[in-house]
Protein backbone atom coordinates (compact mmCIF):
# COMPACT_ATOMS: atom_id res chain seq x y z
CA HIS A 1 -79.49 41.36 -8.58
CA SER A 2 -79.53 39.77 -11.98
CA VAL A 3 -77.22 36.96 -13.00
CA ASN A 4 -75.71 37.13 -16.46
CA HIS A 5 -73.90 34.51 -18.47
CA ASP A 6 -70.36 35.67 -17.77
CA LEU A 7 -70.80 34.59 -14.15
CA LEU A 8 -69.89 31.17 -12.97
CA TRP A 9 -72.86 29.55 -11.28
CA GLY A 10 -73.54 31.13 -7.89
CA ALA A 11 -76.02 30.31 -5.19
CA CYS A 12 -78.60 32.93 -6.22
CA HIS A 13 -82.25 32.34 -5.50
CA ASN A 14 -85.20 34.64 -6.25
CA ASN A 15 -82.85 37.49 -7.18
CA THR A 16 -81.23 37.51 -3.73
CA CYS A 17 -77.76 36.09 -3.31
CA THR A 18 -77.00 33.99 -0.27
CA VAL A 19 -73.32 34.23 -1.24
CA LEU A 20 -71.42 36.29 -3.75
CA CYS A 21 -71.12 34.78 -7.20
CA ILE A 22 -67.63 34.48 -8.62
CA HIS A 23 -67.17 36.43 -11.83
CA THR A 24 -65.02 34.81 -14.49
CA GLN A 25 -62.41 37.55 -14.06
CA GLU A 26 -62.22 36.90 -10.30
CA PHE A 27 -61.97 33.17 -10.88
CA LYS A 28 -58.98 33.57 -13.18
CA GLY A 29 -57.29 35.86 -10.66
CA ILE A 30 -57.65 33.54 -7.69
CA GLY A 31 -54.23 32.53 -6.45
CA LYS A 32 -53.04 29.27 -5.08
CA GLY A 33 -54.83 27.88 -2.10
CA HIS A 34 -55.03 24.47 -0.57
CA VAL A 35 -57.09 21.60 -1.93
CA ILE A 36 -59.23 19.35 0.23
CA THR A 37 -59.83 15.93 -1.31
CA THR A 38 -62.78 13.67 -0.48
CA PRO A 39 -64.25 10.66 -2.29
CA PHE A 40 -67.03 12.92 -3.63
CA PHE A 41 -65.28 16.18 -4.59
CA ASP A 42 -62.10 18.25 -4.47
CA LEU A 43 -62.48 21.65 -2.84
CA LYS A 44 -60.01 24.47 -3.51
CA VAL A 45 -59.92 26.99 -0.66
CA VAL A 46 -58.33 30.43 -1.00
CA GLN A 47 -58.37 33.18 1.65
CA GLY A 48 -60.47 36.23 0.79
CA GLU A 49 -63.08 38.72 1.95
CA GLY A 50 -66.70 37.62 1.91
CA LEU A 51 -67.91 34.20 0.85
CA HIS A 52 -67.50 33.28 -2.81
CA ILE A 53 -68.35 29.84 -4.15
CA ALA A 54 -68.12 28.14 -7.52
CA CYS A 55 -68.78 24.62 -8.74
CA ILE A 56 -67.00 23.36 -11.84
CA VAL A 57 -68.69 20.31 -13.40
CA LYS A 58 -66.79 19.07 -16.42
CA THR A 59 -68.62 17.60 -19.39
CA LYS A 60 -66.43 14.52 -19.00
CA LEU A 61 -68.07 13.96 -15.61
CA ALA A 62 -71.65 13.87 -16.92
CA ASP A 63 -72.52 13.61 -20.58
CA ASN A 64 -75.67 15.74 -20.51
CA ALA A 65 -76.63 19.08 -19.03
CA VAL A 66 -79.42 17.66 -16.86
CA LYS A 67 -76.95 15.50 -14.92
CA ARG A 68 -74.37 18.28 -14.67
CA ASN A 69 -76.99 20.72 -13.38
CA LYS A 70 -78.23 18.19 -10.82
CA ILE A 71 -74.67 17.78 -9.53
CA ARG A 72 -74.17 21.56 -9.52
CA ARG A 73 -77.39 22.23 -7.58
CA LYS A 74 -76.60 19.53 -5.03
CA MET A 75 -73.09 20.92 -4.50
CA TYR A 76 -74.29 24.52 -4.13
CA ARG A 77 -76.89 23.47 -1.60
CA ALA A 78 -74.27 21.58 0.44
CA LEU A 79 -71.69 24.38 0.12
CA THR A 80 -74.15 27.08 1.17
CA LYS A 81 -75.18 25.05 4.21
CA ALA A 82 -71.65 24.09 5.29
CA LEU A 83 -69.96 27.44 4.69
CA GLN A 84 -72.32 29.78 6.57
CA GLY A 85 -70.32 32.36 8.48
CA ARG A 86 -67.06 31.63 6.64
CA HIS A 87 -65.00 33.81 4.34
CA GLY A 88 -62.93 33.04 1.28
CA PHE A 89 -63.14 31.51 -2.17
CA TYR A 90 -64.39 27.91 -2.31
CA ILE A 91 -64.26 26.14 -5.65
CA ALA A 92 -65.76 22.65 -5.80
CA TYR A 93 -64.76 20.07 -8.39
CA PRO A 94 -67.28 17.21 -8.00
CA LYS A 95 -66.40 13.62 -8.86
CA LYS A 96 -68.60 11.15 -10.75
CA GLN A 97 -70.16 9.50 -7.68
CA THR A 98 -71.54 12.88 -6.52
CA LEU A 99 -74.53 12.43 -8.83
CA TYR A 100 -75.66 9.29 -6.97
CA THR A 101 -74.59 10.30 -3.46
CA PRO A 102 -77.46 11.32 -1.14
CA PHE A 103 -77.39 14.97 -0.10
CA ALA A 104 -77.00 14.12 3.62
CA ILE A 105 -73.80 12.13 2.99
CA LEU A 106 -72.40 14.78 0.65
CA SER A 107 -73.17 17.55 3.14
CA GLU A 108 -71.61 15.59 6.00
CA ALA A 109 -68.44 14.95 3.96
CA LEU A 110 -68.20 18.67 3.21
CA ILE A 111 -68.69 19.72 6.84
CA ASN A 112 -66.15 17.15 8.07
CA SER A 113 -63.55 18.17 5.49
CA ILE A 114 -63.49 21.88 6.33
């Protein structure tokens, strides 16, 4: 499976997807869900078939791509671990402190919030 640029970042590794990537068209069509708020991120959850995840890191959050990608990778790793066996659309909106939060704390906050 190849990932192209009209996909939002998905948890794809070595050309095998651990979850389904959310296409831009799907993302725009996602209805209202409920939002879970933590000190580290907001997580929008919408019912759906299969597991679809996305992580939206705004440029306002981190001024350079290296920091944004670090946040994105950390969130995908935590989301993939916490959401195994679940279904639906999960869209994470990290907050500034996510960059400096250890993975274990971030993962624990995600597991406790769901």
